[in-house]
Amino acid sequence: MNENRKLLTRLPDEVRPQYRDQLVTIGDLAAFRHDLLKELYQLLQSNRRPGEKEWLKSKEAAKLLGLSNNTLLNLRKKGILPFIRVGGQVFYNYLDIQNALNDLMSKTGKS
């Protein structure tokens, strides 16, 4: 029995049980935001190939960024993500998406 307790204390943090009274701090959220933006930026850099579409429809942009359509709409409404509307269809420029991510990364003060 004492052996089991020793094993539990040696487990890495990601394997240890989580309890609902554990708090997430503002610093934790800021670090998560930074890591998420950095991963999105790297994903965009690695997925960009010559000959890819320059303009993406909303559904394509959301899929590329791993966001829901509502989150994409909120980024558009807040002016974070530039877009154009042709008829009833909304398009996002691939380079504008990259630039928006760069701006968000620079505002966090990290790279």
N, C-alpha and C. Protein backbone atom coordinates (compact mmCIF):
# COMPACT_ATOMS: atom_id res chain seq x y z
N MET A 1 0.82 -1.19 0.00
CA MET A 1 0.00 0.00 0.00
C MET A 1 0.87 1.26 0.00
N ASN A 2 1.89 1.28 0.83
CA ASN A 2 2.79 2.42 0.89
C ASN A 2 3.50 2.59 -0.46
N GLU A 3 3.73 1.49 -1.14
CA GLU A 3 4.36 1.51 -2.46
C GLU A 3 3.50 2.27 -3.47
N ASN A 4 2.17 2.09 -3.41
CA ASN A 4 1.25 2.79 -4.31
C ASN A 4 1.30 4.28 -4.12
N ARG A 5 1.41 4.73 -2.89
CA ARG A 5 1.50 6.18 -2.62
C ARG A 5 2.77 6.76 -3.23
N LYS A 6 3.88 6.03 -3.13
CA LYS A 6 5.13 6.50 -3.71
C LYS A 6 5.01 6.62 -5.23
N LEU A 7 4.34 5.66 -5.85
CA LEU A 7 4.16 5.70 -7.29
C LEU A 7 3.32 6.90 -7.71
N LEU A 8 2.26 7.20 -6.96
CA LEU A 8 1.38 8.32 -7.29
C LEU A 8 2.12 9.65 -7.19
N THR A 9 3.00 9.81 -6.22
CA THR A 9 3.73 11.08 -6.08
C THR A 9 4.77 11.25 -7.16
N ARG A 10 5.18 10.15 -7.83
CA ARG A 10 6.18 10.25 -8.88
C ARG A 10 5.57 10.41 -10.27
N LEU A 11 4.26 10.41 -10.38
CA LEU A 11 3.61 10.57 -11.67
C LEU A 11 3.81 11.98 -12.20
N PRO A 12 3.97 12.13 -13.51
CA PRO A 12 4.05 13.49 -14.08
C PRO A 12 2.73 14.23 -13.88
N ASP A 13 2.79 15.54 -13.92
CA ASP A 13 1.60 16.37 -13.66
C ASP A 13 0.44 16.05 -14.58
N GLU A 14 0.72 15.75 -15.87
CA GLU A 14 -0.37 15.50 -16.80
C GLU A 14 -1.09 14.18 -16.52
N VAL A 15 -0.51 13.29 -15.69
CA VAL A 15 -1.14 12.02 -15.36
C VAL A 15 -1.85 12.08 -14.02
N ARG A 16 -1.44 13.01 -13.16
CA ARG A 16 -2.05 13.12 -11.84
C ARG A 16 -3.51 13.54 -11.96
N PRO A 17 -4.35 13.08 -11.06
CA PRO A 17 -5.77 13.46 -11.12
C PRO A 17 -5.95 14.96 -10.90
N GLN A 18 -6.90 15.54 -11.61
CA GLN A 18 -7.22 16.96 -11.47
C GLN A 18 -8.48 17.10 -10.62
N TYR A 19 -8.51 18.12 -9.79
CA TYR A 19 -9.65 18.34 -8.92
C TYR A 19 -10.30 19.67 -9.27
N ARG A 20 -11.62 19.75 -9.07
CA ARG A 20 -12.34 20.95 -9.48
C ARG A 20 -11.97 22.19 -8.67
N ASP A 21 -11.35 22.02 -7.51
CA ASP A 21 -10.98 23.19 -6.73
C ASP A 21 -9.62 23.77 -7.13
N GLN A 22 -8.98 23.17 -8.13
CA GLN A 22 -7.73 23.72 -8.63
C GLN A 22 -8.06 24.91 -9.52
N LEU A 23 -7.34 25.99 -9.37
CA LEU A 23 -7.65 27.22 -10.07
C LEU A 23 -6.77 27.42 -11.29
N VAL A 24 -7.33 28.09 -12.27
CA VAL A 24 -6.58 28.53 -13.44
C VAL A 24 -6.38 30.03 -13.26
N THR A 25 -5.13 30.44 -13.26
CA THR A 25 -4.83 31.86 -13.04
C THR A 25 -4.87 32.63 -14.35
N ILE A 26 -4.89 33.95 -14.24
CA ILE A 26 -4.84 34.80 -15.43
C ILE A 26 -3.53 34.56 -16.18
N GLY A 27 -2.47 34.34 -15.45
CA GLY A 27 -1.19 34.03 -16.08
C GLY A 27 -1.24 32.74 -16.87
N ASP A 28 -1.93 31.73 -16.32
CA ASP A 28 -2.11 30.47 -17.04
C ASP A 28 -2.85 30.70 -18.35
N LEU A 29 -3.91 31.51 -18.30
CA LEU A 29 -4.70 31.80 -19.50
C LEU A 29 -3.88 32.58 -20.52
N ALA A 30 -3.08 33.53 -20.05
CA ALA A 30 -2.24 34.32 -20.96
C ALA A 30 -1.20 33.42 -21.63
N ALA A 31 -0.62 32.51 -20.86
CA ALA A 31 0.36 31.59 -21.42
C ALA A 31 -0.29 30.66 -22.44
N PHE A 32 -1.50 30.20 -22.12
CA PHE A 32 -2.24 29.33 -23.04
C PHE A 32 -2.55 30.08 -24.34
N ARG A 33 -2.98 31.34 -24.22
CA ARG A 33 -3.28 32.16 -25.40
C ARG A 33 -2.05 32.31 -26.28
N HIS A 34 -0.93 32.61 -25.64
CA HIS A 34 0.31 32.78 -26.38
C HIS A 34 0.70 31.49 -27.10
N ASP A 35 0.64 30.37 -26.38
CA ASP A 35 1.00 29.09 -26.99
C ASP A 35 0.07 28.74 -28.14
N LEU A 36 -1.22 29.01 -27.97
CA LEU A 36 -2.19 28.73 -29.02
C LEU A 36 -1.91 29.56 -30.27
N LEU A 37 -1.67 30.86 -30.08
CA LEU A 37 -1.37 31.72 -31.22
C LEU A 37 -0.08 31.30 -31.92
N LYS A 38 0.90 30.92 -31.13
CA LYS A 38 2.17 30.48 -31.71
C LYS A 38 1.98 29.21 -32.54
N GLU A 39 1.18 28.26 -32.02
CA GLU A 39 0.92 27.04 -32.76
C GLU A 39 0.13 27.32 -34.04
N LEU A 40 -0.85 28.23 -33.96
CA LEU A 40 -1.61 28.59 -35.16
C LEU A 40 -0.71 29.22 -36.21
N TYR A 41 0.17 30.11 -35.76
CA TYR A 41 1.09 30.76 -36.69
C TYR A 41 2.00 29.73 -37.36
N GLN A 42 2.54 28.80 -36.57
CA GLN A 42 3.41 27.76 -37.13
C GLN A 42 2.63 26.87 -38.09
N LEU A 43 1.40 26.58 -37.75
CA LEU A 43 0.56 25.77 -38.62
C LEU A 43 0.33 26.46 -39.96
N LEU A 44 0.05 27.75 -39.90
CA LEU A 44 -0.15 28.50 -41.14
C LEU A 44 1.14 28.53 -41.97
N GLN A 45 2.26 28.71 -41.32
CA GLN A 45 3.54 28.74 -42.03
C GLN A 45 3.83 27.40 -42.69
N SER A 46 3.57 26.32 -41.98
CA SER A 46 3.91 25.00 -42.52
C SER A 46 2.92 24.53 -43.57
N ASN A 47 1.68 24.99 -43.50
CA ASN A 47 0.66 24.54 -44.45
C ASN A 47 0.64 25.35 -45.73
N ARG A 48 1.32 26.46 -45.79
CA ARG A 48 1.30 27.31 -46.97
C ARG A 48 2.22 26.74 -48.03
N ARG A 49 1.65 26.40 -49.15
CA ARG A 49 2.41 25.86 -50.27
C ARG A 49 2.19 26.75 -51.49
N PRO A 50 3.19 26.81 -52.36
CA PRO A 50 3.00 27.61 -53.58
C PRO A 50 1.79 27.09 -54.35
N GLY A 51 1.03 28.00 -54.92
CA GLY A 51 -0.13 27.62 -55.69
C GLY A 51 -1.40 27.47 -54.87
N GLU A 52 -1.31 27.66 -53.55
CA GLU A 52 -2.52 27.58 -52.73
C GLU A 52 -3.40 28.79 -52.99
N LYS A 53 -4.66 28.63 -52.63
CA LYS A 53 -5.61 29.71 -52.84
C LYS A 53 -5.20 30.95 -52.04
N GLU A 54 -5.34 32.11 -52.68
CA GLU A 54 -5.03 33.36 -51.99
C GLU A 54 -6.20 33.80 -51.13
N TRP A 55 -7.42 33.53 -51.57
CA TRP A 55 -8.63 33.92 -50.85
C TRP A 55 -9.36 32.69 -50.35
N LEU A 56 -9.75 32.72 -49.08
CA LEU A 56 -10.43 31.59 -48.46
C LEU A 56 -11.85 31.98 -48.09
N LYS A 57 -12.78 31.06 -48.30
CA LYS A 57 -14.14 31.27 -47.82
C LYS A 57 -14.15 31.11 -46.31
N SER A 58 -15.22 31.58 -45.67
CA SER A 58 -15.31 31.52 -44.20
C SER A 58 -15.09 30.10 -43.68
N LYS A 59 -15.72 29.15 -44.30
CA LYS A 59 -15.61 27.76 -43.86
C LYS A 59 -14.16 27.26 -43.96
N GLU A 60 -13.47 27.64 -45.04
CA GLU A 60 -12.08 27.23 -45.22
C GLU A 60 -11.16 27.90 -44.20
N ALA A 61 -11.39 29.18 -43.95
CA ALA A 61 -10.57 29.91 -42.98
C ALA A 61 -10.77 29.34 -41.58
N ALA A 62 -12.02 29.04 -41.22
CA ALA A 62 -12.31 28.48 -39.90
C ALA A 62 -11.62 27.12 -39.75
N LYS A 63 -11.68 26.31 -40.78
CA LYS A 63 -11.05 24.99 -40.73
C LYS A 63 -9.54 25.12 -40.62
N LEU A 64 -8.95 26.04 -41.38
CA LEU A 64 -7.51 26.26 -41.35
C LEU A 64 -7.05 26.69 -39.96
N LEU A 65 -7.82 27.56 -39.32
CA LEU A 65 -7.45 28.07 -37.99
C LEU A 65 -7.93 27.17 -36.86
N GLY A 66 -8.76 26.21 -37.18
CA GLY A 66 -9.30 25.35 -36.13
C GLY A 66 -10.29 26.07 -35.24
N LEU A 67 -11.06 26.98 -35.84
CA LEU A 67 -12.04 27.78 -35.10
C LEU A 67 -13.45 27.46 -35.56
N SER A 68 -14.41 27.77 -34.72
CA SER A 68 -15.81 27.63 -35.14
C SER A 68 -16.17 28.82 -36.01
N ASN A 69 -17.26 28.70 -36.75
CA ASN A 69 -17.72 29.81 -37.58
C ASN A 69 -18.07 31.03 -36.73
N ASN A 70 -18.63 30.79 -35.54
CA ASN A 70 -18.98 31.91 -34.65
C ASN A 70 -17.74 32.66 -34.17
N THR A 71 -16.69 31.94 -33.83
CA THR A 71 -15.45 32.59 -33.39
C THR A 71 -14.86 33.41 -34.53
N LEU A 72 -14.89 32.85 -35.73
CA LEU A 72 -14.40 33.58 -36.90
C LEU A 72 -15.21 34.85 -37.12
N LEU A 73 -16.52 34.76 -36.96
CA LEU A 73 -17.40 35.92 -37.08
C LEU A 73 -17.06 36.98 -36.03
N ASN A 74 -16.79 36.54 -34.79
CA ASN A 74 -16.42 37.49 -33.74
C ASN A 74 -15.11 38.19 -34.06
N LEU A 75 -14.13 37.47 -34.58
CA LEU A 75 -12.85 38.09 -34.97
C LEU A 75 -13.07 39.10 -36.08
N ARG A 76 -13.97 38.80 -36.98
CA ARG A 76 -14.30 39.71 -38.08
C ARG A 76 -14.98 40.96 -37.54
N LYS A 77 -15.97 40.79 -36.65
CA LYS A 77 -16.71 41.93 -36.10
C LYS A 77 -15.81 42.85 -35.28
N LYS A 78 -14.84 42.26 -34.58
CA LYS A 78 -13.93 43.06 -33.75
C LYS A 78 -12.85 43.76 -34.57
N GLY A 79 -12.80 43.45 -35.88
CA GLY A 79 -11.81 44.07 -36.74
C GLY A 79 -10.44 43.42 -36.64
N ILE A 80 -10.36 42.27 -36.01
CA ILE A 80 -9.09 41.57 -35.87
C ILE A 80 -8.70 40.89 -37.17
N LEU A 81 -9.69 40.39 -37.89
CA LEU A 81 -9.45 39.64 -39.11
C LEU A 81 -10.11 40.35 -40.30
N PRO A 82 -9.30 40.97 -41.18
CA PRO A 82 -9.86 41.67 -42.34
C PRO A 82 -10.55 40.68 -43.30
N PHE A 83 -11.53 41.19 -44.03
CA PHE A 83 -12.29 40.35 -44.95
C PHE A 83 -12.85 41.21 -46.06
N ILE A 84 -13.33 40.55 -47.11
CA ILE A 84 -14.09 41.24 -48.15
C ILE A 84 -15.38 40.45 -48.35
N ARG A 85 -16.38 41.13 -48.84
CA ARG A 85 -17.66 40.48 -49.13
C ARG A 85 -17.93 40.65 -50.62
N VAL A 86 -18.17 39.54 -51.28
CA VAL A 86 -18.52 39.55 -52.70
C VAL A 86 -19.90 38.90 -52.79
N GLY A 87 -20.88 39.73 -53.11
CA GLY A 87 -22.26 39.24 -53.06
C GLY A 87 -22.60 38.91 -51.62
N GLY A 88 -23.03 37.72 -51.33
CA GLY A 88 -23.31 37.32 -49.96
C GLY A 88 -22.21 36.48 -49.35
N GLN A 89 -21.10 36.29 -50.07
CA GLN A 89 -20.02 35.42 -49.60
C GLN A 89 -18.89 36.25 -48.99
N VAL A 90 -18.35 35.80 -47.85
CA VAL A 90 -17.24 36.47 -47.17
C VAL A 90 -15.96 35.72 -47.50
N PHE A 91 -14.91 36.47 -47.83
CA PHE A 91 -13.60 35.90 -48.14
C PHE A 91 -12.53 36.52 -47.26
N TYR A 92 -11.53 35.70 -46.92
CA TYR A 92 -10.38 36.15 -46.13
C TYR A 92 -9.12 35.91 -46.94
N ASN A 93 -8.24 36.90 -46.95
CA ASN A 93 -6.97 36.76 -47.64
C ASN A 93 -6.02 35.97 -46.74
N TYR A 94 -5.35 34.99 -47.32
CA TYR A 94 -4.44 34.14 -46.54
C TYR A 94 -3.37 34.98 -45.84
N LEU A 95 -2.80 35.94 -46.55
CA LEU A 95 -1.75 36.78 -45.95
C LEU A 95 -2.30 37.67 -44.84
N ASP A 96 -3.57 38.12 -44.98
CA ASP A 96 -4.20 38.90 -43.90
C ASP A 96 -4.35 38.07 -42.64
N ILE A 97 -4.66 36.78 -42.81
CA ILE A 97 -4.77 35.89 -41.65
C ILE A 97 -3.41 35.78 -40.96
N GLN A 98 -2.37 35.59 -41.75
CA GLN A 98 -1.01 35.51 -41.18
C GLN A 98 -0.64 36.81 -40.46
N ASN A 99 -0.93 37.95 -41.09
CA ASN A 99 -0.60 39.24 -40.48
C ASN A 99 -1.37 39.47 -39.19
N ALA A 100 -2.65 39.06 -39.15
CA ALA A 100 -3.45 39.21 -37.94
C ALA A 100 -2.84 38.38 -36.81
N LEU A 101 -2.39 37.17 -37.13
CA LEU A 101 -1.75 36.34 -36.11
C LEU A 101 -0.44 36.96 -35.65
N ASN A 102 0.32 37.53 -36.58
CA ASN A 102 1.58 38.21 -36.21
C ASN A 102 1.29 39.37 -35.26
N ASP A 103 0.25 40.16 -35.58
CA ASP A 103 -0.11 41.29 -34.72
C ASP A 103 -0.50 40.83 -33.32
N LEU A 104 -1.30 39.76 -33.25
CA LEU A 104 -1.69 39.22 -31.94
C LEU A 104 -0.49 38.72 -31.17
N MET A 105 0.45 38.09 -31.88
CA MET A 105 1.67 37.59 -31.23
C MET A 105 2.50 38.75 -30.69
N SER A 106 2.61 39.83 -31.45
CA SER A 106 3.42 40.96 -31.00
C SER A 106 2.76 41.68 -29.82
N LYS A 107 1.42 41.66 -29.76
CA LYS A 107 0.72 42.29 -28.63
C LYS A 107 0.92 41.53 -27.34
N THR A 108 1.19 40.22 -27.43
CA THR A 108 1.44 39.43 -26.22
C THR A 108 2.84 39.69 -25.71
N GLY A 109 3.68 40.31 -26.56
CA GLY A 109 5.04 40.63 -26.15
C GLY A 109 5.98 39.46 -26.21
N LYS A 110 5.55 38.39 -26.85
CA LYS A 110 6.37 37.19 -26.96
C LYS A 110 6.38 36.75 -28.40
N SER A 111 7.34 35.90 -28.73
CA SER A 111 7.36 35.33 -30.10
C SER A 111 7.73 33.88 -30.07
